Structures are given as structure tokens and as C-alpha cells.
C-alpha atoms as a PDB file:
ATOM      1  CA  UNK A   1      18.581 207.254 209.333  1.00  0.00           C
ATOM      2  CA  UNK A   2      19.832 204.799 211.925  1.00  0.00           C
ATOM      3  CA  UNK A   3      20.698 202.359 209.139  1.00  0.00           C
ATOM      4  CA  UNK A   4      22.628 205.083 207.305  1.00  0.00           C
ATOM      5  CA  UNK A   5      24.511 205.957 210.464  1.00  0.00           C
ATOM      6  CA  UNK A   6      25.297 202.286 211.044  1.00  0.00           C
ATOM      7  CA  UNK A   7      26.674 201.934 207.528  1.00  0.00           C
ATOM      8  CA  UNK A   8      28.797 205.041 207.989  1.00  0.00           C
ATOM      9  CA  UNK A   9      30.072 203.578 211.264  1.00  0.00           C
ATOM     10  CA  UNK A  10      31.280 200.487 209.409  1.00  0.00           C
ATOM     11  CA  UNK A  11      33.560 202.792 207.413  1.00  0.00           C
ATOM     12  CA  UNK A  12      34.599 204.909 210.430  1.00  0.00           C
ATOM     13  CA  UNK A  13      32.692 207.900 209.068  1.00  0.00           C
ATOM     14  CA  UNK A  14      30.179 208.211 211.910  1.00  0.00           C
ATOM     15  CA  UNK A  15      31.018 208.120 215.581  1.00  0.00           C
ATOM     16  CA  UNK A  16      28.641 207.912 218.462  1.00  0.00           C
ATOM     17  CA  UNK A  17      25.321 206.222 218.903  1.00  0.00           C
ATOM     18  CA  UNK A  18      22.951 206.139 215.913  1.00  0.00           C
ATOM     19  CA  UNK A  19      20.009 208.390 216.773  1.00  0.00           C
ATOM     20  CA  UNK A  20      17.994 208.271 213.556  1.00  0.00           C
ATOM     21  CA  UNK A  21      18.408 211.974 212.812  1.00  0.00           C
ATOM     22  CA  UNK A  22      20.119 213.523 209.814  1.00  0.00           C
ATOM     23  CA  UNK A  23      22.155 215.998 211.799  1.00  0.00           C
ATOM     24  CA  UNK A  24      25.501 217.652 211.277  1.00  0.00           C
ATOM     25  CA  UNK A  25      27.546 214.545 212.105  1.00  0.00           C
ATOM     26  CA  UNK A  26      25.585 212.378 209.649  1.00  0.00           C
ATOM     27  CA  UNK A  27      25.853 214.984 206.907  1.00  0.00           C
ATOM     28  CA  UNK A  28      29.593 215.267 207.535  1.00  0.00           C
ATOM     29  CA  UNK A  29      29.964 211.474 207.220  1.00  0.00           C
ATOM     30  CA  UNK A  30      27.983 211.411 203.977  1.00  0.00           C
ATOM     31  CA  UNK A  31      29.992 214.304 202.545  1.00  0.00           C
ATOM     32  CA  UNK A  32      33.290 212.626 203.405  1.00  0.00           C
ATOM     33  CA  UNK A  33      32.091 209.347 201.932  1.00  0.00           C
ATOM     34  CA  UNK A  34      31.094 211.071 198.693  1.00  0.00           C
ATOM     35  CA  UNK A  35      34.430 212.846 198.425  1.00  0.00           C
ATOM     36  CA  UNK A  36      36.462 209.708 199.214  1.00  0.00           C
ATOM     37  CA  UNK A  37      34.589 207.616 196.633  1.00  0.00           C
ATOM     38  CA  UNK A  38      34.218 210.320 193.975  1.00  0.00           C
ATOM     39  CA  UNK A  39      30.440 210.011 193.983  1.00  0.00           C
ATOM     40  CA  UNK A  40      28.654 212.373 191.645  1.00  0.00           C
ATOM     41  CA  UNK A  41      24.975 212.817 190.989  1.00  0.00           C
ATOM     42  CA  UNK A  42      23.979 213.797 194.528  1.00  0.00           C
ATOM     43  CA  UNK A  43      24.513 217.185 196.120  1.00  0.00           C
ATOM     44  CA  UNK A  44      27.392 217.179 198.579  1.00  0.00           C
ATOM     45  CA  UNK A  45      26.206 215.964 201.967  1.00  0.00           C
ATOM     46  CA  UNK A  46      22.884 214.714 200.587  1.00  0.00           C
ATOM     47  CA  UNK A  47      22.046 211.027 200.888  1.00  0.00           C
ATOM     48  CA  UNK A  48      20.614 210.621 197.408  1.00  0.00           C
ATOM     49  CA  UNK A  49      20.291 207.619 195.086  1.00  0.00           C
ATOM     50  CA  UNK A  50      23.918 207.552 193.857  1.00  0.00           C
ATOM     51  CA  UNK A  51      25.313 207.738 197.391  1.00  0.00           C
ATOM     52  CA  UNK A  52      22.851 205.153 198.656  1.00  0.00           C
ATOM     53  CA  UNK A  53      23.720 202.648 195.903  1.00  0.00           C
ATOM     54  CA  UNK A  54      27.445 202.985 196.548  1.00  0.00           C
ATOM     55  CA  UNK A  55      27.161 202.796 200.331  1.00  0.00           C
ATOM     56  CA  UNK A  56      24.806 199.812 200.273  1.00  0.00           C
ATOM     57  CA  UNK A  57      27.109 197.957 197.886  1.00  0.00           C
ATOM     58  CA  UNK A  58      30.076 198.512 200.188  1.00  0.00           C
ATOM     59  CA  UNK A  59      28.489 197.842 203.600  1.00  0.00           C
ATOM     60  CA  UNK A  60      25.992 195.469 205.139  1.00  0.00           C
END
């Protein structure tokens, strides 16, 4: 989860120190990312395959 949080930080969708937990702030960042990019195929706020592919393609 720390990698996910770091990727969300690159897009200003996660603030604070990555802690490796999928808490409220991480879920909020994922949900906002999905909405902003029009990602479908994963439940809102869930870091599934479609969200992962898009986020990994856009960040490092």
C-alpha cells in the first residue's frame, strides 16, 4: 500500500506520510483518481486491476 500511496502523492491525491494501510485517506485518493480519469471496471474506491493499470501508466 505504501507504493499506492506514493503514486497518489505524485498526483496530489494523498497527503501525509505513506503508512502502508488502506485507510480512509487512501480510499478517498483512489476514488478521486477513478472519478477524475473516468475509470470503470473497479468498484469506486477499490484499487482493482483497471485502476492499477491506469495509475501505474501515469506515475512512476
